[in-house]
N, C-alpha and C. Protein backbone atom coordinates (compact mmCIF):
# COMPACT_ATOMS: atom_id res chain seq x y z
N MET A 1 -93.36 118.98 -62.53
CA MET A 1 -92.39 119.19 -61.45
C MET A 1 -92.44 120.65 -61.02
N SER A 2 -92.38 120.88 -59.73
CA SER A 2 -92.46 122.24 -59.22
C SER A 2 -91.17 123.01 -59.52
N VAL A 3 -91.28 124.32 -59.52
CA VAL A 3 -90.11 125.18 -59.75
C VAL A 3 -89.04 124.89 -58.71
N PHE A 4 -89.45 124.65 -57.47
CA PHE A 4 -88.50 124.35 -56.40
C PHE A 4 -87.76 123.04 -56.67
N LEU A 5 -88.47 122.01 -57.08
CA LEU A 5 -87.79 120.74 -57.40
C LEU A 5 -86.86 120.89 -58.59
N GLU A 6 -87.26 121.69 -59.58
CA GLU A 6 -86.37 121.96 -60.72
C GLU A 6 -85.08 122.62 -60.23
N PHE A 7 -85.22 123.59 -59.33
CA PHE A 7 -84.06 124.27 -58.75
C PHE A 7 -83.14 123.26 -58.06
N LEU A 8 -83.71 122.39 -57.24
CA LEU A 8 -82.91 121.39 -56.52
C LEU A 8 -82.25 120.41 -57.48
N ASN A 9 -82.99 119.99 -58.50
CA ASN A 9 -82.45 119.02 -59.47
C ASN A 9 -81.29 119.59 -60.28
N GLN A 10 -81.21 120.90 -60.39
CA GLN A 10 -80.06 121.50 -61.07
C GLN A 10 -78.80 121.33 -60.23
N LEU A 11 -78.97 121.28 -58.92
CA LEU A 11 -77.83 121.10 -58.02
C LEU A 11 -77.45 119.63 -57.89
N VAL A 12 -78.45 118.81 -57.62
CA VAL A 12 -78.26 117.36 -57.46
C VAL A 12 -79.48 116.67 -58.05
N PRO A 13 -79.30 115.87 -59.09
CA PRO A 13 -80.45 115.13 -59.62
C PRO A 13 -81.04 114.22 -58.53
N LEU A 14 -82.30 114.43 -58.22
CA LEU A 14 -82.95 113.69 -57.14
C LEU A 14 -83.69 112.48 -57.69
N ASP A 15 -83.60 111.37 -56.96
CA ASP A 15 -84.39 110.20 -57.35
C ASP A 15 -85.84 110.42 -56.92
N GLU A 16 -86.72 109.54 -57.36
CA GLU A 16 -88.15 109.72 -57.09
C GLU A 16 -88.45 109.70 -55.59
N ARG A 17 -87.81 108.81 -54.87
CA ARG A 17 -88.02 108.68 -53.42
C ARG A 17 -87.69 109.99 -52.69
N THR A 18 -86.55 110.59 -53.06
CA THR A 18 -86.13 111.84 -52.42
C THR A 18 -87.05 112.99 -52.83
N SER A 19 -87.45 113.01 -54.10
CA SER A 19 -88.38 114.05 -54.57
C SER A 19 -89.69 114.01 -53.81
N ILE A 20 -90.19 112.81 -53.55
CA ILE A 20 -91.45 112.66 -52.80
C ILE A 20 -91.29 113.20 -51.38
N LEU A 21 -90.17 112.90 -50.74
CA LEU A 21 -89.93 113.41 -49.39
C LEU A 21 -89.88 114.94 -49.39
N VAL A 22 -89.14 115.51 -50.34
CA VAL A 22 -89.02 116.97 -50.42
C VAL A 22 -90.41 117.58 -50.59
N GLN A 23 -91.20 117.02 -51.48
CA GLN A 23 -92.55 117.56 -51.71
C GLN A 23 -93.40 117.50 -50.44
N SER A 24 -93.18 116.47 -49.62
CA SER A 24 -93.96 116.36 -48.37
C SER A 24 -93.53 117.40 -47.34
N ALA A 25 -92.33 117.92 -47.47
CA ALA A 25 -91.80 118.90 -46.51
C ALA A 25 -92.02 120.34 -46.96
N VAL A 26 -92.60 120.51 -48.15
CA VAL A 26 -92.72 121.84 -48.75
C VAL A 26 -94.18 122.22 -48.96
N SER A 27 -94.49 123.47 -48.67
CA SER A 27 -95.81 123.99 -49.02
C SER A 27 -95.62 125.25 -49.86
N LYS A 28 -96.42 125.38 -50.89
CA LYS A 28 -96.35 126.54 -51.78
C LYS A 28 -97.52 127.46 -51.47
N ARG A 29 -97.20 128.74 -51.28
CA ARG A 29 -98.25 129.71 -50.94
C ARG A 29 -97.98 131.06 -51.57
N LEU A 30 -99.05 131.79 -51.82
CA LEU A 30 -98.96 133.20 -52.21
C LEU A 30 -99.09 133.99 -50.91
N ILE A 31 -98.09 134.82 -50.64
CA ILE A 31 -98.08 135.60 -49.40
C ILE A 31 -97.97 137.08 -49.75
N LYS A 32 -98.72 137.89 -49.05
CA LYS A 32 -98.84 139.31 -49.36
C LYS A 32 -97.59 140.12 -48.99
N LYS A 33 -97.40 141.17 -49.76
CA LYS A 33 -96.37 142.17 -49.50
C LYS A 33 -96.47 142.67 -48.06
N LYS A 34 -95.35 142.99 -47.48
CA LYS A 34 -95.21 143.52 -46.11
C LYS A 34 -95.38 142.46 -45.02
N THR A 35 -95.61 141.21 -45.42
CA THR A 35 -95.70 140.14 -44.43
C THR A 35 -94.31 139.91 -43.83
N ILE A 36 -94.26 139.79 -42.53
CA ILE A 36 -93.01 139.43 -41.84
C ILE A 36 -93.01 137.91 -41.69
N LEU A 37 -92.11 137.24 -42.39
CA LEU A 37 -92.03 135.79 -42.34
C LEU A 37 -91.36 135.30 -41.07
N GLN A 38 -90.41 136.08 -40.59
CA GLN A 38 -89.66 135.70 -39.40
C GLN A 38 -89.35 136.97 -38.63
N ARG A 39 -89.52 136.91 -37.32
CA ARG A 39 -89.24 138.07 -36.46
C ARG A 39 -88.03 137.80 -35.58
N GLU A 40 -87.26 138.87 -35.37
CA GLU A 40 -86.13 138.74 -34.45
C GLU A 40 -86.66 138.28 -33.09
N GLY A 41 -85.85 137.48 -32.40
CA GLY A 41 -86.25 136.97 -31.10
C GLY A 41 -87.02 135.66 -31.16
N SER A 42 -87.34 135.21 -32.37
CA SER A 42 -88.03 133.92 -32.53
C SER A 42 -87.05 132.88 -33.05
N VAL A 43 -87.44 131.62 -32.98
CA VAL A 43 -86.61 130.54 -33.50
C VAL A 43 -87.09 130.20 -34.90
N CYS A 44 -86.17 130.16 -35.84
CA CYS A 44 -86.48 129.90 -37.24
C CYS A 44 -86.29 128.41 -37.53
N ARG A 45 -87.34 127.75 -38.02
CA ARG A 45 -87.24 126.33 -38.38
C ARG A 45 -87.70 126.11 -39.82
N LYS A 46 -87.70 127.16 -40.62
CA LYS A 46 -88.14 127.07 -42.01
C LYS A 46 -87.15 127.83 -42.89
N PHE A 47 -87.10 127.43 -44.15
CA PHE A 47 -86.48 128.29 -45.13
C PHE A 47 -87.42 128.41 -46.30
N TYR A 48 -87.22 129.46 -47.08
CA TYR A 48 -88.16 129.84 -48.11
C TYR A 48 -87.46 129.93 -49.46
N PHE A 49 -88.02 129.24 -50.45
CA PHE A 49 -87.56 129.38 -51.83
C PHE A 49 -88.52 130.34 -52.51
N ILE A 50 -87.96 131.36 -53.13
CA ILE A 50 -88.79 132.39 -53.78
C ILE A 50 -89.01 132.02 -55.24
N GLU A 51 -90.24 131.64 -55.56
CA GLU A 51 -90.60 131.37 -56.95
C GLU A 51 -90.89 132.68 -57.66
N LYS A 52 -91.60 133.56 -56.97
CA LYS A 52 -91.93 134.88 -57.52
C LYS A 52 -91.98 135.85 -56.35
N GLY A 53 -91.37 137.00 -56.54
CA GLY A 53 -91.43 138.02 -55.50
C GLY A 53 -90.07 138.44 -55.00
N CYS A 54 -90.09 139.11 -53.86
CA CYS A 54 -88.87 139.71 -53.33
C CYS A 54 -88.98 139.82 -51.82
N ALA A 55 -87.87 139.53 -51.14
CA ALA A 55 -87.83 139.62 -49.68
C ALA A 55 -86.54 140.31 -49.27
N ARG A 56 -86.55 140.81 -48.05
CA ARG A 56 -85.31 141.34 -47.49
C ARG A 56 -85.12 140.77 -46.10
N VAL A 57 -83.86 140.56 -45.76
CA VAL A 57 -83.48 140.13 -44.42
C VAL A 57 -82.81 141.33 -43.77
N TYR A 58 -83.28 141.70 -42.58
CA TYR A 58 -82.73 142.88 -41.92
C TYR A 58 -82.66 142.66 -40.41
N TYR A 59 -81.90 143.55 -39.77
CA TYR A 59 -81.78 143.51 -38.31
C TYR A 59 -81.81 144.94 -37.79
N HIS A 60 -81.94 145.09 -36.50
CA HIS A 60 -81.97 146.42 -35.87
C HIS A 60 -80.65 146.70 -35.18
N LYS A 61 -80.16 147.92 -35.37
CA LYS A 61 -78.95 148.37 -34.68
C LYS A 61 -79.09 149.86 -34.43
N ASP A 62 -78.94 150.27 -33.19
CA ASP A 62 -79.06 151.69 -32.82
C ASP A 62 -80.35 152.30 -33.36
N ASP A 63 -81.44 151.61 -33.16
CA ASP A 63 -82.77 152.07 -33.60
C ASP A 63 -82.91 152.24 -35.11
N LYS A 64 -82.05 151.58 -35.87
CA LYS A 64 -82.14 151.62 -37.33
C LYS A 64 -82.32 150.20 -37.86
N GLU A 65 -83.03 150.11 -38.98
CA GLU A 65 -83.12 148.83 -39.68
C GLU A 65 -81.95 148.74 -40.65
N ILE A 66 -81.17 147.69 -40.54
CA ILE A 66 -80.03 147.47 -41.42
C ILE A 66 -80.34 146.28 -42.32
N THR A 67 -80.36 146.52 -43.63
CA THR A 67 -80.64 145.46 -44.59
C THR A 67 -79.37 144.66 -44.83
N GLY A 68 -79.46 143.38 -44.57
CA GLY A 68 -78.30 142.51 -44.75
C GLY A 68 -78.34 141.72 -46.03
N TRP A 69 -79.55 141.48 -46.54
CA TRP A 69 -79.66 140.56 -47.67
C TRP A 69 -80.98 140.76 -48.38
N PHE A 70 -81.00 140.48 -49.66
CA PHE A 70 -82.23 140.45 -50.44
C PHE A 70 -82.41 139.06 -51.02
N GLY A 71 -83.64 138.67 -51.21
CA GLY A 71 -83.94 137.43 -51.90
C GLY A 71 -84.88 137.72 -53.05
N LEU A 72 -84.52 137.22 -54.22
CA LEU A 72 -85.34 137.38 -55.42
C LEU A 72 -85.66 136.00 -55.98
N GLU A 73 -86.34 135.96 -57.11
CA GLU A 73 -86.72 134.69 -57.71
C GLU A 73 -85.53 133.74 -57.83
N GLY A 74 -85.77 132.49 -57.46
CA GLY A 74 -84.73 131.47 -57.56
C GLY A 74 -83.76 131.46 -56.40
N MET A 75 -84.05 132.24 -55.37
CA MET A 75 -83.16 132.29 -54.20
C MET A 75 -83.86 131.72 -52.98
N ILE A 76 -83.04 131.33 -52.01
CA ILE A 76 -83.54 130.85 -50.73
C ILE A 76 -83.23 131.90 -49.68
N VAL A 77 -84.20 132.19 -48.82
CA VAL A 77 -83.97 133.07 -47.67
C VAL A 77 -84.36 132.35 -46.39
N SER A 78 -83.63 132.67 -45.35
CA SER A 78 -83.91 132.13 -44.03
C SER A 78 -83.08 132.91 -43.02
N CYS A 79 -83.24 132.56 -41.77
CA CYS A 79 -82.41 133.13 -40.71
C CYS A 79 -81.44 132.02 -40.29
N ILE A 80 -80.33 131.96 -40.98
CA ILE A 80 -79.37 130.86 -40.82
C ILE A 80 -78.86 130.77 -39.39
N ASP A 81 -78.72 131.92 -38.72
CA ASP A 81 -78.21 131.89 -37.34
C ASP A 81 -79.10 131.07 -36.43
N SER A 82 -80.36 130.98 -36.75
CA SER A 82 -81.32 130.25 -35.94
C SER A 82 -81.66 128.87 -36.52
N LEU A 83 -81.71 128.80 -37.84
CA LEU A 83 -82.11 127.56 -38.51
C LEU A 83 -81.26 126.37 -38.08
N PHE A 84 -79.95 126.57 -38.03
CA PHE A 84 -79.04 125.47 -37.73
C PHE A 84 -78.76 125.29 -36.25
N THR A 85 -79.06 126.29 -35.44
CA THR A 85 -78.73 126.21 -34.01
C THR A 85 -79.96 126.11 -33.12
N ALA A 86 -81.12 126.46 -33.65
CA ALA A 86 -82.38 126.53 -32.89
C ALA A 86 -82.32 127.61 -31.81
N ASP A 87 -81.39 128.54 -31.94
CA ASP A 87 -81.34 129.72 -31.07
C ASP A 87 -82.27 130.79 -31.63
N LYS A 88 -82.56 131.79 -30.83
CA LYS A 88 -83.37 132.91 -31.31
C LYS A 88 -82.57 133.71 -32.33
N THR A 89 -83.25 134.14 -33.37
CA THR A 89 -82.60 134.89 -34.43
C THR A 89 -82.55 136.39 -34.11
N ILE A 90 -81.57 137.06 -34.70
CA ILE A 90 -81.51 138.52 -34.60
C ILE A 90 -82.13 139.17 -35.84
N TYR A 91 -82.54 138.35 -36.81
CA TYR A 91 -82.99 138.86 -38.10
C TYR A 91 -84.51 138.84 -38.24
N ASN A 92 -84.97 139.66 -39.18
CA ASN A 92 -86.36 139.68 -39.64
C ASN A 92 -86.34 139.39 -41.13
N ILE A 93 -87.37 138.72 -41.60
CA ILE A 93 -87.54 138.53 -43.05
C ILE A 93 -88.88 139.15 -43.43
N GLU A 94 -88.83 140.12 -44.33
CA GLU A 94 -90.03 140.84 -44.77
C GLU A 94 -90.20 140.71 -46.27
N LEU A 95 -91.43 140.48 -46.72
CA LEU A 95 -91.70 140.44 -48.15
C LEU A 95 -91.89 141.86 -48.67
N LEU A 96 -91.19 142.19 -49.74
CA LEU A 96 -91.29 143.52 -50.35
C LEU A 96 -92.30 143.54 -51.48
N GLU A 97 -92.75 142.37 -51.92
CA GLU A 97 -93.75 142.23 -52.97
C GLU A 97 -94.66 141.06 -52.61
N ASP A 98 -95.85 141.02 -53.19
CA ASP A 98 -96.64 139.79 -53.11
C ASP A 98 -95.75 138.69 -53.68
N SER A 99 -95.66 137.57 -52.99
CA SER A 99 -94.66 136.56 -53.35
C SER A 99 -95.25 135.16 -53.35
N VAL A 100 -94.75 134.34 -54.26
CA VAL A 100 -95.05 132.91 -54.26
C VAL A 100 -93.84 132.23 -53.64
N LEU A 101 -94.06 131.60 -52.49
CA LEU A 101 -92.97 130.99 -51.74
C LEU A 101 -93.20 129.49 -51.57
N HIS A 102 -92.11 128.76 -51.59
CA HIS A 102 -92.11 127.35 -51.22
C HIS A 102 -91.48 127.32 -49.83
N THR A 103 -92.29 127.02 -48.83
CA THR A 103 -91.83 127.00 -47.45
C THR A 103 -91.40 125.58 -47.10
N VAL A 104 -90.17 125.46 -46.62
CA VAL A 104 -89.61 124.14 -46.32
C VAL A 104 -89.46 124.00 -44.81
N GLN A 105 -90.02 122.92 -44.27
CA GLN A 105 -89.88 122.60 -42.85
C GLN A 105 -88.52 121.95 -42.65
N TYR A 106 -87.60 122.68 -42.07
CA TYR A 106 -86.22 122.20 -41.93
C TYR A 106 -86.13 120.93 -41.08
N ASP A 107 -86.94 120.82 -40.04
CA ASP A 107 -86.85 119.65 -39.16
C ASP A 107 -87.11 118.35 -39.92
N ILE A 108 -88.07 118.36 -40.84
CA ILE A 108 -88.37 117.16 -41.63
C ILE A 108 -87.17 116.80 -42.49
N ILE A 109 -86.58 117.80 -43.13
CA ILE A 109 -85.42 117.56 -43.99
C ILE A 109 -84.24 117.07 -43.17
N GLU A 110 -83.97 117.74 -42.07
CA GLU A 110 -82.82 117.39 -41.23
C GLU A 110 -82.91 115.96 -40.71
N GLN A 111 -84.09 115.54 -40.29
CA GLN A 111 -84.28 114.18 -39.78
C GLN A 111 -84.08 113.13 -40.86
N SER A 112 -84.17 113.53 -42.11
CA SER A 112 -84.09 112.59 -43.23
C SER A 112 -82.70 112.45 -43.83
N PHE A 113 -81.74 113.25 -43.37
CA PHE A 113 -80.40 113.22 -43.96
C PHE A 113 -79.78 111.82 -43.96
N LEU A 114 -79.93 111.08 -42.89
CA LEU A 114 -79.32 109.75 -42.81
C LEU A 114 -79.95 108.76 -43.78
N ASP A 115 -81.25 108.85 -43.95
CA ASP A 115 -81.96 107.90 -44.81
C ASP A 115 -81.97 108.31 -46.28
N TYR A 116 -81.64 109.56 -46.55
CA TYR A 116 -81.67 110.08 -47.92
C TYR A 116 -80.34 110.76 -48.24
N PRO A 117 -79.36 109.99 -48.69
CA PRO A 117 -78.02 110.56 -48.95
C PRO A 117 -78.03 111.72 -49.95
N LEU A 118 -78.91 111.67 -50.94
CA LEU A 118 -78.97 112.77 -51.91
C LEU A 118 -79.40 114.07 -51.22
N LEU A 119 -80.27 113.93 -50.25
CA LEU A 119 -80.74 115.09 -49.50
C LEU A 119 -79.62 115.69 -48.67
N GLU A 120 -78.83 114.84 -48.06
CA GLU A 120 -77.69 115.31 -47.27
C GLU A 120 -76.69 116.04 -48.17
N ARG A 121 -76.44 115.47 -49.34
CA ARG A 121 -75.52 116.11 -50.31
C ARG A 121 -76.08 117.46 -50.76
N LEU A 122 -77.37 117.48 -51.04
CA LEU A 122 -78.02 118.71 -51.45
C LEU A 122 -77.92 119.77 -50.36
N GLY A 123 -78.16 119.38 -49.13
CA GLY A 123 -78.03 120.30 -48.01
C GLY A 123 -76.64 120.88 -47.90
N ARG A 124 -75.64 120.04 -48.08
CA ARG A 124 -74.25 120.50 -48.03
C ARG A 124 -73.97 121.51 -49.14
N LEU A 125 -74.48 121.23 -50.34
CA LEU A 125 -74.27 122.15 -51.47
C LEU A 125 -74.96 123.50 -51.22
N LEU A 126 -76.17 123.47 -50.68
CA LEU A 126 -76.88 124.72 -50.39
C LEU A 126 -76.17 125.53 -49.31
N VAL A 127 -75.67 124.86 -48.29
CA VAL A 127 -74.92 125.56 -47.24
C VAL A 127 -73.65 126.17 -47.83
N THR A 128 -72.96 125.40 -48.67
CA THR A 128 -71.74 125.90 -49.30
C THR A 128 -72.04 127.12 -50.17
N GLN A 129 -73.10 127.03 -50.98
CA GLN A 129 -73.49 128.17 -51.83
C GLN A 129 -73.75 129.41 -51.00
N ASN A 130 -74.51 129.24 -49.93
CA ASN A 130 -74.84 130.39 -49.09
C ASN A 130 -73.63 130.93 -48.35
N TYR A 131 -72.74 130.06 -47.95
CA TYR A 131 -71.50 130.51 -47.31
C TYR A 131 -70.68 131.35 -48.29
N LEU A 132 -70.59 130.91 -49.53
CA LEU A 132 -69.84 131.66 -50.54
C LEU A 132 -70.49 133.02 -50.82
N LEU A 133 -71.81 133.07 -50.85
CA LEU A 133 -72.50 134.35 -51.03
C LEU A 133 -72.23 135.29 -49.86
N LEU A 134 -72.23 134.73 -48.67
CA LEU A 134 -71.94 135.53 -47.48
C LEU A 134 -70.50 136.05 -47.51
N ASP A 135 -69.58 135.21 -47.94
CA ASP A 135 -68.18 135.62 -48.07
C ASP A 135 -68.05 136.74 -49.11
N GLN A 136 -68.75 136.58 -50.21
CA GLN A 136 -68.74 137.60 -51.26
C GLN A 136 -69.28 138.93 -50.72
N ARG A 137 -70.35 138.87 -49.95
CA ARG A 137 -70.93 140.08 -49.36
C ARG A 137 -69.95 140.74 -48.39
N MET A 138 -69.31 139.93 -47.56
CA MET A 138 -68.34 140.47 -46.60
C MET A 138 -67.18 141.15 -47.33
N LYS A 139 -66.67 140.53 -48.37
CA LYS A 139 -65.58 141.14 -49.14
C LYS A 139 -66.03 142.43 -49.81
N MET A 140 -67.29 142.45 -50.26
CA MET A 140 -67.81 143.66 -50.89
C MET A 140 -67.77 144.83 -49.91
N ILE A 141 -68.20 144.60 -48.68
CA ILE A 141 -68.22 145.66 -47.67
C ILE A 141 -66.80 146.07 -47.26
N ILE A 142 -65.93 145.10 -47.10
CA ILE A 142 -64.58 145.38 -46.59
C ILE A 142 -63.67 146.02 -47.63
N PHE A 143 -63.69 145.50 -48.85
CA PHE A 143 -62.66 145.86 -49.83
C PHE A 143 -63.09 146.85 -50.92
N HIS A 144 -64.37 147.18 -50.98
CA HIS A 144 -64.83 148.03 -52.08
C HIS A 144 -65.40 149.36 -51.57
N SER A 145 -65.19 150.38 -52.37
CA SER A 145 -65.76 151.69 -52.06
C SER A 145 -67.27 151.65 -52.27
N ALA A 146 -67.94 152.69 -51.83
CA ALA A 146 -69.40 152.77 -52.00
C ALA A 146 -69.79 152.66 -53.47
N GLU A 147 -69.06 153.36 -54.33
CA GLU A 147 -69.37 153.31 -55.76
C GLU A 147 -69.12 151.92 -56.33
N GLU A 148 -68.05 151.28 -55.90
CA GLU A 148 -67.76 149.92 -56.37
C GLU A 148 -68.82 148.93 -55.89
N ARG A 149 -69.32 149.12 -54.67
CA ARG A 149 -70.38 148.25 -54.16
C ARG A 149 -71.65 148.40 -55.01
N TYR A 150 -71.96 149.64 -55.37
CA TYR A 150 -73.12 149.89 -56.22
C TYR A 150 -72.93 149.22 -57.58
N GLN A 151 -71.74 149.37 -58.17
CA GLN A 151 -71.46 148.75 -59.46
C GLN A 151 -71.59 147.22 -59.39
N LEU A 152 -71.11 146.64 -58.31
CA LEU A 152 -71.24 145.19 -58.13
C LEU A 152 -72.71 144.78 -58.08
N LEU A 153 -73.51 145.52 -57.31
CA LEU A 153 -74.93 145.21 -57.23
C LEU A 153 -75.59 145.37 -58.59
N LEU A 154 -75.23 146.42 -59.29
CA LEU A 154 -75.77 146.68 -60.63
C LEU A 154 -75.45 145.52 -61.58
N ARG A 155 -74.23 145.00 -61.49
CA ARG A 155 -73.81 143.88 -62.34
C ARG A 155 -74.44 142.55 -61.92
N GLN A 156 -74.45 142.30 -60.62
CA GLN A 156 -74.88 140.99 -60.13
C GLN A 156 -76.40 140.86 -60.01
N GLU A 157 -77.08 141.91 -59.64
CA GLU A 157 -78.53 141.87 -59.44
C GLU A 157 -79.21 143.13 -59.96
N PRO A 158 -79.15 143.38 -61.27
CA PRO A 158 -79.76 144.61 -61.79
C PRO A 158 -81.26 144.68 -61.52
N ARG A 159 -81.92 143.52 -61.43
CA ARG A 159 -83.37 143.52 -61.18
C ARG A 159 -83.70 144.06 -59.79
N ALA A 160 -82.76 143.96 -58.86
CA ALA A 160 -83.00 144.46 -57.50
C ALA A 160 -83.19 145.97 -57.50
N LEU A 161 -82.44 146.67 -58.34
CA LEU A 161 -82.48 148.12 -58.34
C LEU A 161 -83.82 148.68 -58.82
N GLN A 162 -84.56 147.91 -59.60
CA GLN A 162 -85.85 148.38 -60.07
C GLN A 162 -86.99 148.01 -59.12
N ARG A 163 -86.73 147.10 -58.19
CA ARG A 163 -87.82 146.55 -57.38
C ARG A 163 -87.72 146.85 -55.89
N ILE A 164 -86.56 147.23 -55.44
CA ILE A 164 -86.34 147.40 -54.00
C ILE A 164 -86.21 148.89 -53.69
N PRO A 165 -86.91 149.37 -52.66
CA PRO A 165 -86.81 150.79 -52.30
C PRO A 165 -85.35 151.22 -52.07
N LEU A 166 -85.04 152.42 -52.51
CA LEU A 166 -83.66 152.92 -52.42
C LEU A 166 -83.15 152.99 -50.99
N SER A 167 -84.04 153.21 -50.04
CA SER A 167 -83.58 153.26 -48.64
C SER A 167 -83.02 151.90 -48.22
N TYR A 168 -83.61 150.81 -48.69
CA TYR A 168 -83.12 149.47 -48.36
C TYR A 168 -81.82 149.17 -49.11
N ILE A 169 -81.74 149.64 -50.34
CA ILE A 169 -80.51 149.43 -51.11
C ILE A 169 -79.36 150.20 -50.47
N ALA A 170 -79.62 151.43 -50.06
CA ALA A 170 -78.58 152.23 -49.39
C ALA A 170 -78.10 151.51 -48.13
N SER A 171 -79.02 151.00 -47.35
CA SER A 171 -78.66 150.27 -46.13
C SER A 171 -77.83 149.04 -46.47
N TYR A 172 -78.25 148.29 -47.48
CA TYR A 172 -77.52 147.09 -47.93
C TYR A 172 -76.09 147.44 -48.35
N LEU A 173 -75.95 148.57 -49.03
CA LEU A 173 -74.62 148.99 -49.51
C LEU A 173 -73.80 149.70 -48.44
N ASN A 174 -74.43 149.93 -47.29
CA ASN A 174 -73.76 150.59 -46.16
C ASN A 174 -73.40 152.04 -46.49
N VAL A 175 -74.38 152.74 -47.11
CA VAL A 175 -74.21 154.15 -47.44
C VAL A 175 -75.50 154.89 -47.07
N THR A 176 -75.42 156.20 -47.02
CA THR A 176 -76.63 156.99 -46.80
C THR A 176 -77.41 157.07 -48.10
N GLN A 177 -78.68 157.46 -48.00
CA GLN A 177 -79.47 157.64 -49.22
C GLN A 177 -78.91 158.76 -50.08
N GLU A 178 -78.37 159.79 -49.45
CA GLU A 178 -77.79 160.90 -50.20
C GLU A 178 -76.59 160.41 -51.02
N THR A 179 -75.73 159.61 -50.40
CA THR A 179 -74.57 159.07 -51.11
C THR A 179 -75.03 158.19 -52.26
N LEU A 180 -76.03 157.36 -52.02
CA LEU A 180 -76.55 156.50 -53.09
C LEU A 180 -77.10 157.34 -54.23
N SER A 181 -77.79 158.42 -53.93
CA SER A 181 -78.33 159.30 -54.98
C SER A 181 -77.20 159.91 -55.81
N ARG A 182 -76.13 160.33 -55.15
CA ARG A 182 -74.98 160.89 -55.89
C ARG A 182 -74.35 159.82 -56.80
N ILE A 183 -74.22 158.62 -56.29
CA ILE A 183 -73.63 157.54 -57.08
C ILE A 183 -74.53 157.22 -58.27
N ARG A 184 -75.82 157.11 -58.03
CA ARG A 184 -76.77 156.76 -59.10
C ARG A 184 -76.80 157.84 -60.19
N ALA A 185 -76.57 159.08 -59.82
CA ALA A 185 -76.59 160.18 -60.79
C ALA A 185 -75.49 160.02 -61.84
N LYS A 186 -74.44 159.28 -61.50
CA LYS A 186 -73.34 159.06 -62.44
C LYS A 186 -73.67 158.01 -63.49
N TYR A 187 -74.73 157.24 -63.28
CA TYR A 187 -75.03 156.12 -64.19
C TYR A 187 -76.29 156.32 -64.98
């Protein structure tokens, strides 16, 4: 069983029929560092499960790249604003390391929701999980100081701090690199 199917089965045990459909909608590939999986202004119809590697989701504002999200092993990344609406996305997805990705064709999965109830349930759980992560991120920015945001990242994703360039981490935490350096000096 693939790592991706194992991940899905932890959420909802899939029957053989559903597993076969999922496998038909997924391709596993090794993709090189610095590859842009999705560009702003395009329509996103895929999501990516990261078996190995690291990605960042970012957007442009005032001629700056703003990091909104990171994806590490066992996580799914996509441009949700476009995936569910078929509108053009404002986000970019870039690989920060050579990565093994399971690319899922969303259209195949979406068309199968009616015929595969387990798949529909799984989709609902994944959307709920991602909504809760987004809510957690929003609360982190609104209610916590820069140092508290760093501590949260350190607690929740310590592996990110060793693998992601500090400029991207500073952007993610909504601080300057200088502020991040001062905070890191305390730890």
